[in-house]
Amino acid sequence: MITSIVLIKTDVDRIPEIAERIAALEGVSEVYSVTGAHDLIAMVRVPHHDELAEVIPGRISKVPGVVSTETHIAFRAYSRHDLEAAFAIGLDS
């Protein structure tokens, strides 16, 4: 699974509407409204690298009100939550 973090600048007056439209797109797992230089952060998860082009410039960038995007592709995930879940498998039996 390929994970990308997409930083999104939008029309400020339309952030909730734009966030909902992006969250409904195939390949987008979560959308967060945030403080700072960007208005939204979208987590994009796709099975193949080539599909990023379909989701980010092909769908996210075309949502009315999206001004710009900046994409970061994740190499590895370091998450305490994921590790705890993995080591807890089978403990309930």
PDB file of N, CA and C in Angstrom:
ATOM      1  N   MET A   1       0.845  -1.176   0.000  1.00  0.00           N
ATOM      2  CA  MET A   1       0.000   0.000   0.000  1.00  0.00           C
ATOM      3  C   MET A   1       0.890   1.239   0.000  1.00  0.00           C
ATOM      4  N   ILE A   2       0.619   2.165  -0.893  1.00  0.00           N
ATOM      5  CA  ILE A   2       1.342   3.431  -0.978  1.00  0.00           C
ATOM      6  C   ILE A   2       0.552   4.480  -0.196  1.00  0.00           C
ATOM      7  N   THR A   3       1.227   5.161   0.723  1.00  0.00           N
ATOM      8  CA  THR A   3       0.584   6.210   1.508  1.00  0.00           C
ATOM      9  C   THR A   3       1.205   7.546   1.159  1.00  0.00           C
ATOM     10  N   SER A   4       0.346   8.530   0.903  1.00  0.00           N
ATOM     11  CA  SER A   4       0.803   9.890   0.638  1.00  0.00           C
ATOM     12  C   SER A   4       0.077  10.855   1.551  1.00  0.00           C
ATOM     13  N   ILE A   5       0.812  11.870   1.962  1.00  0.00           N
ATOM     14  CA  ILE A   5       0.249  12.951   2.758  1.00  0.00           C
ATOM     15  C   ILE A   5       0.142  14.133   1.809  1.00  0.00           C
ATOM     16  N   VAL A   6      -1.067  14.639   1.620  1.00  0.00           N
ATOM     17  CA  VAL A   6      -1.287  15.732   0.674  1.00  0.00           C
ATOM     18  C   VAL A   6      -1.691  16.984   1.441  1.00  0.00           C
ATOM     19  N   LEU A   7      -0.839  18.006   1.357  1.00  0.00           N
ATOM     20  CA  LEU A   7      -1.112  19.296   1.979  1.00  0.00           C
ATOM     21  C   LEU A   7      -1.886  20.131   0.965  1.00  0.00           C
ATOM     22  N   ILE A   8      -3.012  20.689   1.398  1.00  0.00           N
ATOM     23  CA  ILE A   8      -3.930  21.339   0.463  1.00  0.00           C
ATOM     24  C   ILE A   8      -4.251  22.758   0.913  1.00  0.00           C
ATOM     25  N   LYS A   9      -4.129  23.703  -0.038  1.00  0.00           N
ATOM     26  CA  LYS A   9      -4.592  25.075   0.190  1.00  0.00           C
ATOM     27  C   LYS A   9      -5.921  25.216  -0.537  1.00  0.00           C
ATOM     28  N   THR A  10      -6.877  25.880   0.134  1.00  0.00           N
ATOM     29  CA  THR A  10      -8.226  26.000  -0.419  1.00  0.00           C
ATOM     30  C   THR A  10      -8.736  27.430  -0.296  1.00  0.00           C
ATOM     31  N   ASP A  11      -9.902  27.662  -0.884  1.00  0.00           N
ATOM     32  CA  ASP A  11     -10.643  28.888  -0.597  1.00  0.00           C
ATOM     33  C   ASP A  11     -11.073  28.778   0.863  1.00  0.00           C
ATOM     34  N   VAL A  12     -10.615  29.687   1.702  1.00  0.00           N
ATOM     35  CA  VAL A  12     -10.820  29.588   3.149  1.00  0.00           C
ATOM     36  C   VAL A  12     -12.297  29.538   3.531  1.00  0.00           C
ATOM     37  N   ASP A  13     -13.128  30.247   2.820  1.00  0.00           N
ATOM     38  CA  ASP A  13     -14.556  30.278   3.161  1.00  0.00           C
ATOM     39  C   ASP A  13     -15.263  28.959   2.896  1.00  0.00           C
ATOM     40  N   ARG A  14     -14.605  28.043   2.190  1.00  0.00           N
ATOM     41  CA  ARG A  14     -15.267  26.798   1.787  1.00  0.00           C
ATOM     42  C   ARG A  14     -14.585  25.548   2.348  1.00  0.00           C
ATOM     43  N   ILE A  15     -13.765  25.692   3.362  1.00  0.00           N
ATOM     44  CA  ILE A  15     -12.982  24.560   3.874  1.00  0.00           C
ATOM     45  C   ILE A  15     -13.860  23.348   4.216  1.00  0.00           C
ATOM     46  N   PRO A  16     -14.939  23.477   4.995  1.00  0.00           N
ATOM     47  CA  PRO A  16     -15.732  22.278   5.332  1.00  0.00           C
ATOM     48  C   PRO A  16     -16.306  21.569   4.102  1.00  0.00           C
ATOM     49  N   GLU A  17     -16.830  22.341   3.166  1.00  0.00           N
ATOM     50  CA  GLU A  17     -17.408  21.764   1.940  1.00  0.00           C
ATOM     51  C   GLU A  17     -16.343  21.051   1.111  1.00  0.00           C
ATOM     52  N   ILE A  18     -15.187  21.679   0.955  1.00  0.00           N
ATOM     53  CA  ILE A  18     -14.097  21.090   0.173  1.00  0.00           C
ATOM     54  C   ILE A  18     -13.573  19.837   0.860  1.00  0.00           C
ATOM     55  N   ALA A  19     -13.423  19.891   2.184  1.00  0.00           N
ATOM     56  CA  ALA A  19     -12.935  18.726   2.941  1.00  0.00           C
ATOM     57  C   ALA A  19     -13.863  17.531   2.763  1.00  0.00           C
ATOM     58  N   GLU A  20     -15.164  17.767   2.808  1.00  0.00           N
ATOM     59  CA  GLU A  20     -16.126  16.669   2.637  1.00  0.00           C
ATOM     60  C   GLU A  20     -16.056  16.078   1.234  1.00  0.00           C
ATOM     61  N   ARG A  21     -15.893  16.924   0.243  1.00  0.00           N
ATOM     62  CA  ARG A  21     -15.803  16.426  -1.135  1.00  0.00           C
ATOM     63  C   ARG A  21     -14.533  15.599  -1.335  1.00  0.00           C
ATOM     64  N   ILE A  22     -13.421  16.056  -0.757  1.00  0.00           N
ATOM     65  CA  ILE A  22     -12.167  15.309  -0.875  1.00  0.00           C
ATOM     66  C   ILE A  22     -12.265  13.993  -0.118  1.00  0.00           C
ATOM     67  N   ALA A  23     -12.853  14.014   1.077  1.00  0.00           N
ATOM     68  CA  ALA A  23     -12.981  12.796   1.889  1.00  0.00           C
ATOM     69  C   ALA A  23     -13.810  11.730   1.181  1.00  0.00           C
ATOM     70  N   ALA A  24     -14.700  12.138   0.305  1.00  0.00           N
ATOM     71  CA  ALA A  24     -15.559  11.187  -0.410  1.00  0.00           C
ATOM     72  C   ALA A  24     -14.876  10.569  -1.627  1.00  0.00           C
ATOM     73  N   LEU A  25     -13.695  11.048  -1.979  1.00  0.00           N
ATOM     74  CA  LEU A  25     -13.013  10.542  -3.170  1.00  0.00           C
ATOM     75  C   LEU A  25     -12.398   9.168  -2.916  1.00  0.00           C
ATOM     76  N   GLU A  26     -12.466   8.318  -3.919  1.00  0.00           N
ATOM     77  CA  GLU A  26     -11.827   7.006  -3.833  1.00  0.00           C
ATOM     78  C   GLU A  26     -10.314   7.199  -3.699  1.00  0.00           C
ATOM     79  N   GLY A  27      -9.720   6.492  -2.754  1.00  0.00           N
ATOM     80  CA  GLY A  27      -8.287   6.590  -2.501  1.00  0.00           C
ATOM     81  C   GLY A  27      -7.938   7.500  -1.345  1.00  0.00           C
ATOM     82  N   VAL A  28      -8.881   8.332  -0.915  1.00  0.00           N
ATOM     83  CA  VAL A  28      -8.640   9.232   0.215  1.00  0.00           C
ATOM     84  C   VAL A  28      -9.205   8.561   1.462  1.00  0.00           C
ATOM     85  N   SER A  29      -8.332   8.336   2.464  1.00  0.00           N
ATOM     86  CA  SER A  29      -8.788   7.651   3.674  1.00  0.00           C
ATOM     87  C   SER A  29      -9.220   8.620   4.766  1.00  0.00           C
ATOM     88  N   GLU A  30      -8.570   9.787   4.859  1.00  0.00           N
ATOM     89  CA  GLU A  30      -8.928  10.774   5.869  1.00  0.00           C
ATOM     90  C   GLU A  30      -8.608  12.166   5.348  1.00  0.00           C
ATOM     91  N   VAL A  31      -9.306  13.155   5.894  1.00  0.00           N
ATOM     92  CA  VAL A  31      -9.002  14.557   5.613  1.00  0.00           C
ATOM     93  C   VAL A  31      -9.074  15.301   6.946  1.00  0.00           C
ATOM     94  N   TYR A  32      -8.059  16.109   7.218  1.00  0.00           N
ATOM     95  CA  TYR A  32      -8.002  16.889   8.455  1.00  0.00           C
ATOM     96  C   TYR A  32      -7.947  18.373   8.120  1.00  0.00           C
ATOM     97  N   SER A  33      -8.709  19.199   8.826  1.00  0.00           N
ATOM     98  CA  SER A  33      -8.505  20.641   8.749  1.00  0.00           C
ATOM     99  C   SER A  33      -7.419  20.965   9.766  1.00  0.00           C
ATOM    100  N   VAL A  34      -6.501  21.828   9.377  1.00  0.00           N
ATOM    101  CA  VAL A  34      -5.324  22.074  10.208  1.00  0.00           C
ATOM    102  C   VAL A  34      -4.992  23.564  10.263  1.00  0.00           C
ATOM    103  N   THR A  35      -4.146  23.913  11.227  1.00  0.00           N
ATOM    104  CA  THR A  35      -3.618  25.271  11.298  1.00  0.00           C
ATOM    105  C   THR A  35      -2.325  25.325  10.498  1.00  0.00           C
ATOM    106  N   GLY A  36      -1.872  26.517  10.216  1.00  0.00           N
ATOM    107  CA  GLY A  36      -0.600  26.671   9.524  1.00  0.00           C
ATOM    108  C   GLY A  36      -0.767  27.130   8.088  1.00  0.00           C
ATOM    109  N   ALA A  37       0.236  26.856   7.289  1.00  0.00           N
ATOM    110  CA  ALA A  37       0.288  27.339   5.905  1.00  0.00           C
ATOM    111  C   ALA A  37      -0.726  26.663   4.994  1.00  0.00           C
ATOM    112  N   HIS A  38      -1.189  25.481   5.373  1.00  0.00           N
ATOM    113  CA  HIS A  38      -2.166  24.747   4.569  1.00  0.00           C
ATOM    114  C   HIS A  38      -3.493  24.663   5.321  1.00  0.00           C
ATOM    115  N   ASP A  39      -4.549  24.440   4.577  1.00  0.00           N
ATOM    116  CA  ASP A  39      -5.885  24.396   5.179  1.00  0.00           C
ATOM    117  C   ASP A  39      -6.338  22.981   5.510  1.00  0.00           C
ATOM    118  N   LEU A  40      -5.942  22.027   4.667  1.00  0.00           N
ATOM    119  CA  LEU A  40      -6.348  20.626   4.830  1.00  0.00           C
ATOM    120  C   LEU A  40      -5.156  19.713   4.626  1.00  0.00           C
ATOM    121  N   ILE A  41      -5.217  18.551   5.258  1.00  0.00           N
ATOM    122  CA  ILE A  41      -4.271  17.475   4.982  1.00  0.00           C
ATOM    123  C   ILE A  41      -5.094  16.238   4.665  1.00  0.00           C
ATOM    124  N   ALA A  42      -4.804  15.646   3.514  1.00  0.00           N
ATOM    125  CA  ALA A  42      -5.496  14.421   3.109  1.00  0.00           C
ATOM    126  C   ALA A  42      -4.518  13.263   3.137  1.00  0.00           C
ATOM    127  N   MET A  43      -4.971  12.140   3.663  1.00  0.00           N
ATOM    128  CA  MET A  43      -4.194  10.908   3.626  1.00  0.00           C
ATOM    129  C   MET A  43      -4.707  10.096   2.443  1.00  0.00           C
ATOM    130  N   VAL A  44      -3.814   9.802   1.523  1.00  0.00           N
ATOM    131  CA  VAL A  44      -4.173   9.043   0.326  1.00  0.00           C
ATOM    132  C   VAL A  44      -3.483   7.691   0.409  1.00  0.00           C
ATOM    133  N   ARG A  45      -4.272   6.635   0.260  1.00  0.00           N
ATOM    134  CA  ARG A  45      -3.727   5.272   0.302  1.00  0.00           C
ATOM    135  C   ARG A  45      -4.215   4.520  -0.924  1.00  0.00           C
ATOM    136  N   VAL A  46      -3.253   4.066  -1.735  1.00  0.00           N
ATOM    137  CA  VAL A  46      -3.567   3.332  -2.961  1.00  0.00           C
ATOM    138  C   VAL A  46      -2.654   2.117  -3.070  1.00  0.00           C
ATOM    139  N   PRO A  47      -3.101   1.081  -3.772  1.00  0.00           N
ATOM    140  CA  PRO A  47      -2.279  -0.119  -3.886  1.00  0.00           C
ATOM    141  C   PRO A  47      -1.032   0.047  -4.752  1.00  0.00           C
ATOM    142  N   HIS A  48      -1.105   0.912  -5.754  1.00  0.00           N
ATOM    143  CA  HIS A  48      -0.002   1.040  -6.710  1.00  0.00           C
ATOM    144  C   HIS A  48       0.397   2.497  -6.884  1.00  0.00           C
ATOM    145  N   HIS A  49       1.682   2.728  -7.038  1.00  0.00           N
ATOM    146  CA  HIS A  49       2.226   4.072  -7.173  1.00  0.00           C
ATOM    147  C   HIS A  49       1.552   4.855  -8.293  1.00  0.00           C
ATOM    148  N   ASP A  50       1.294   4.219  -9.415  1.00  0.00           N
ATOM    149  CA  ASP A  50       0.675   4.905 -10.556  1.00  0.00           C
ATOM    150  C   ASP A  50      -0.690   5.499 -10.225  1.00  0.00           C
ATOM    151  N   GLU A  51      -1.376   4.935  -9.256  1.00  0.00           N
ATOM    152  CA  GLU A  51      -2.714   5.414  -8.901  1.00  0.00           C
ATOM    153  C   GLU A  51      -2.687   6.767  -8.188  1.00  0.00           C
ATOM    154  N   LEU A  52      -1.521   7.165  -7.690  1.00  0.00           N
ATOM    155  CA  LEU A  52      -1.418   8.483  -7.057  1.00  0.00           C
ATOM    156  C   LEU A  52      -1.783   9.591  -8.041  1.00  0.00           C
ATOM    157  N   ALA A  53      -1.381   9.427  -9.297  1.00  0.00           N
ATOM    158  CA  ALA A  53      -1.693  10.435 -10.320  1.00  0.00           C
ATOM    159  C   ALA A  53      -3.191  10.526 -10.569  1.00  0.00           C
ATOM    160  N   GLU A  54      -3.880   9.412 -10.455  1.00  0.00           N
ATOM    161  CA  GLU A  54      -5.329   9.430 -10.630  1.00  0.00           C
ATOM    162  C   GLU A  54      -6.006  10.170  -9.482  1.00  0.00           C
ATOM    163  N   VAL A  55      -5.510   9.948  -8.261  1.00  0.00           N
ATOM    164  CA  VAL A  55      -6.166  10.505  -7.080  1.00  0.00           C
ATOM    165  C   VAL A  55      -5.795  11.970  -6.850  1.00  0.00           C
ATOM    166  N   ILE A  56      -4.510  12.295  -6.892  1.00  0.00           N
ATOM    167  CA  ILE A  56      -4.101  13.644  -6.476  1.00  0.00           C
ATOM    168  C   ILE A  56      -4.347  14.680  -7.583  1.00  0.00           C
ATOM    169  N   PRO A  57      -3.622  14.656  -8.702  1.00  0.00           N
ATOM    170  CA  PRO A  57      -3.957  15.656  -9.722  1.00  0.00           C
ATOM    171  C   PRO A  57      -5.262  15.339 -10.453  1.00  0.00           C
ATOM    172  N   GLY A  58      -5.618  14.067 -10.516  1.00  0.00           N
ATOM    173  CA  GLY A  58      -6.814  13.671 -11.249  1.00  0.00           C
ATOM    174  C   GLY A  58      -8.121  13.911 -10.524  1.00  0.00           C
ATOM    175  N   ARG A  59      -8.111  13.880  -9.196  1.00  0.00           N
ATOM    176  CA  ARG A  59      -9.351  14.060  -8.433  1.00  0.00           C
ATOM    177  C   ARG A  59      -9.267  15.215  -7.433  1.00  0.00           C
ATOM    178  N   ILE A  60      -8.284  15.158  -6.522  1.00  0.00           N
ATOM    179  CA  ILE A  60      -8.195  16.172  -5.463  1.00  0.00           C
ATOM    180  C   ILE A  60      -8.022  17.570  -6.054  1.00  0.00           C
ATOM    181  N   SER A  61      -7.075  17.728  -6.964  1.00  0.00           N
ATOM    182  CA  SER A  61      -6.792  19.053  -7.530  1.00  0.00           C
ATOM    183  C   SER A  61      -7.947  19.620  -8.337  1.00  0.00           C
ATOM    184  N   LYS A  62      -8.850  18.752  -8.776  1.00  0.00           N
ATOM    185  CA  LYS A  62      -9.986  19.195  -9.584  1.00  0.00           C
ATOM    186  C   LYS A  62     -11.225  19.543  -8.759  1.00  0.00           C
ATOM    187  N   VAL A  63     -11.158  19.345  -7.442  1.00  0.00           N
ATOM    188  CA  VAL A  63     -12.285  19.731  -6.587  1.00  0.00           C
ATOM    189  C   VAL A  63     -12.370  21.258  -6.594  1.00  0.00           C
ATOM    190  N   PRO A  64     -13.533  21.817  -6.923  1.00  0.00           N
ATOM    191  CA  PRO A  64     -13.665  23.274  -6.923  1.00  0.00           C
ATOM    192  C   PRO A  64     -13.304  23.862  -5.565  1.00  0.00           C
ATOM    193  N   GLY A  65     -12.450  24.878  -5.578  1.00  0.00           N
ATOM    194  CA  GLY A  65     -12.011  25.512  -4.343  1.00  0.00           C
ATOM    195  C   GLY A  65     -10.624  25.089  -3.895  1.00  0.00           C
ATOM    196  N   VAL A  66     -10.072  24.012  -4.482  1.00  0.00           N
ATOM    197  CA  VAL A  66      -8.700  23.619  -4.181  1.00  0.00           C
ATOM    198  C   VAL A  66      -7.777  24.556  -4.960  1.00  0.00           C
ATOM    199  N   VAL A  67      -6.900  25.244  -4.242  1.00  0.00           N
ATOM    200  CA  VAL A  67      -5.997  26.211  -4.858  1.00  0.00           C
ATOM    201  C   VAL A  67      -4.681  25.555  -5.248  1.00  0.00           C
ATOM    202  N   SER A  68      -4.127  24.724  -4.343  1.00  0.00           N
ATOM    203  CA  SER A  68      -2.868  24.038  -4.636  1.00  0.00           C
ATOM    204  C   SER A  68      -2.712  22.827  -3.722  1.00  0.00           C
ATOM    205  N   THR A  69      -1.832  21.918  -4.138  1.00  0.00           N
ATOM    206  CA  THR A  69      -1.515  20.744  -3.325  1.00  0.00           C
ATOM    207  C   THR A  69      -0.004  20.573  -3.272  1.00  0.00           C
ATOM    208  N   GLU A  70       0.451  19.935  -2.195  1.00  0.00           N
ATOM    209  CA  GLU A  70       1.849  19.550  -2.031  1.00  0.00           C
ATOM    210  C   GLU A  70       1.830  18.129  -1.498  1.00  0.00           C
ATOM    211  N   THR A  71       2.479  17.220  -2.213  1.00  0.00           N
ATOM    212  CA  THR A  71       2.382  15.799  -1.882  1.00  0.00           C
ATOM    213  C   THR A  71       3.685  15.264  -1.303  1.00  0.00           C
ATOM    214  N   HIS A  72       3.550  14.471  -0.230  1.00  0.00           N
ATOM    215  CA  HIS A  72       4.681  13.788   0.394  1.00  0.00           C
ATOM    216  C   HIS A  72       4.358  12.300   0.402  1.00  0.00           C
ATOM    217  N   ILE A  73       5.236  11.502  -0.180  1.00  0.00           N
ATOM    218  CA  ILE A  73       5.029  10.053  -0.223  1.00  0.00           C
ATOM    219  C   ILE A  73       5.767   9.426   0.956  1.00  0.00           C
ATOM    220  N   ALA A  74       5.061   8.595   1.706  1.00  0.00           N
ATOM    221  CA  ALA A  74       5.645   7.955   2.888  1.00  0.00           C
ATOM    222  C   ALA A  74       6.491   6.752   2.476  1.00  0.00           C
ATOM    223  N   PHE A  75       7.666   6.626   3.083  1.00  0.00           N
ATOM    224  CA  PHE A  75       8.520   5.459   2.868  1.00  0.00           C
ATOM    225  C   PHE A  75       8.177   4.345   3.847  1.00  0.00           C
ATOM    226  N   ARG A  76       8.087   4.714   5.130  1.00  0.00           N
ATOM    227  CA  ARG A  76       7.787   3.749   6.185  1.00  0.00           C
ATOM    228  C   ARG A  76       6.857   4.391   7.201  1.00  0.00           C
ATOM    229  N   ALA A  77       6.101   3.559   7.888  1.00  0.00           N
ATOM    230  CA  ALA A  77       5.238   4.043   8.963  1.00  0.00           C
ATOM    231  C   ALA A  77       5.842   3.630  10.297  1.00  0.00           C
ATOM    232  N   TYR A  78       5.983   4.578  11.184  1.00  0.00           N
ATOM    233  CA  TYR A  78       6.452   4.321  12.537  1.00  0.00           C
ATOM    234  C   TYR A  78       5.338   4.736  13.471  1.00  0.00           C
ATOM    235  N   SER A  79       4.515   3.778  13.846  1.00  0.00           N
ATOM    236  CA  SER A  79       3.348   4.097  14.649  1.00  0.00           C
ATOM    237  C   SER A  79       3.243   3.161  15.829  1.00  0.00           C
ATOM    238  N   ARG A  80       3.232   3.699  17.009  1.00  0.00           N
ATOM    239  CA  ARG A  80       3.076   2.888  18.221  1.00  0.00           C
ATOM    240  C   ARG A  80       1.744   2.147  18.178  1.00  0.00           C
ATOM    241  N   HIS A  81       0.696   2.807  17.670  1.00  0.00           N
ATOM    242  CA  HIS A  81      -0.626   2.193  17.572  1.00  0.00           C
ATOM    243  C   HIS A  81      -0.574   0.933  16.710  1.00  0.00           C
ATOM    244  N   ASP A  82       0.078   1.008  15.559  1.00  0.00           N
ATOM    245  CA  ASP A  82       0.169  -0.148  14.668  1.00  0.00           C
ATOM    246  C   ASP A  82       0.958  -1.289  15.312  1.00  0.00           C
ATOM    247  N   LEU A  83       2.027  -0.962  16.006  1.00  0.00           N
ATOM    248  CA  LEU A  83       2.840  -1.993  16.651  1.00  0.00           C
ATOM    249  C   LEU A  83       2.060  -2.683  17.768  1.00  0.00           C
ATOM    250  N   GLU A  84       1.344  -1.907  18.569  1.00  0.00           N
ATOM    251  CA  GLU A  84       0.558  -2.503  19.654  1.00  0.00           C
ATOM    252  C   GLU A  84      -0.528  -3.429  19.101  1.00  0.00           C
ATOM    253  N   ALA A  85      -1.178  -3.035  18.009  1.00  0.00           N
ATOM    254  CA  ALA A  85      -2.208  -3.865  17.401  1.00  0.00           C
ATOM    255  C   ALA A  85      -1.607  -5.152  16.859  1.00  0.00           C
ATOM    256  N   ALA A  86      -0.444  -5.061  16.246  1.00  0.00           N
ATOM    257  CA  ALA A  86       0.185  -6.244  15.675  1.00  0.00           C
ATOM    258  C   ALA A  86       0.587  -7.240  16.764  1.00  0.00           C
ATOM    259  N   PHE A  87       1.122  -6.762  17.881  1.00  0.00           N
ATOM    260  CA  PHE A  87       1.563  -7.663  18.950  1.00  0.00           C
ATOM    261  C   PHE A  87       0.389  -8.187  19.773  1.00  0.00           C
ATOM    262  N   ALA A  88      -0.766  -7.557  19.660  1.00  0.00           N
ATOM    263  CA  ALA A  88      -1.938  -8.001  20.425  1.00  0.00           C
ATOM    264  C   ALA A  88      -2.742  -9.074  19.709  1.00  0.00           C
ATOM    265  N   ILE A  89      -2.377  -9.396  18.480  1.00  0.00           N
ATOM    266  CA  ILE A  89      -3.116 -10.417  17.717  1.00  0.00           C
ATOM    267  C   ILE A  89      -3.054 -11.747  18.451  1.00  0.00           C
ATOM    268  N   GLY A  90      -4.216 -12.335  18.673  1.00  0.00           N
ATOM    269  CA  GLY A  90      -4.287 -13.638  19.296  1.00  0.00           C
ATOM    270  C   GLY A  90      -4.325 -13.618  20.818  1.00  0.00           C
ATOM    271  N   LEU A  91      -4.237 -12.461  21.443  1.00  0.00           N
ATOM    272  CA  LEU A  91      -4.249 -12.401  22.895  1.00  0.00           C
ATOM    273  C   LEU A  91      -5.630 -12.609  23.484  1.00  0.00           C
ATOM    274  N   ASP A  92      -6.689 -12.421  22.695  1.00  0.00           N
ATOM    275  CA  ASP A  92      -8.054 -12.573  23.211  1.00  0.00           C
ATOM    276  C   ASP A  92      -8.493 -14.022  23.299  1.00  0.00           C
ATOM    277  N   SER A  93      -7.769 -14.945  22.715  1.00  0.00           N
ATOM    278  CA  SER A  93      -8.224 -16.345  22.686  1.00  0.00           C
ATOM    279  C   SER A  93      -7.821 -17.097  23.926  1.00  0.00           C
TER     280      SER A  93
END
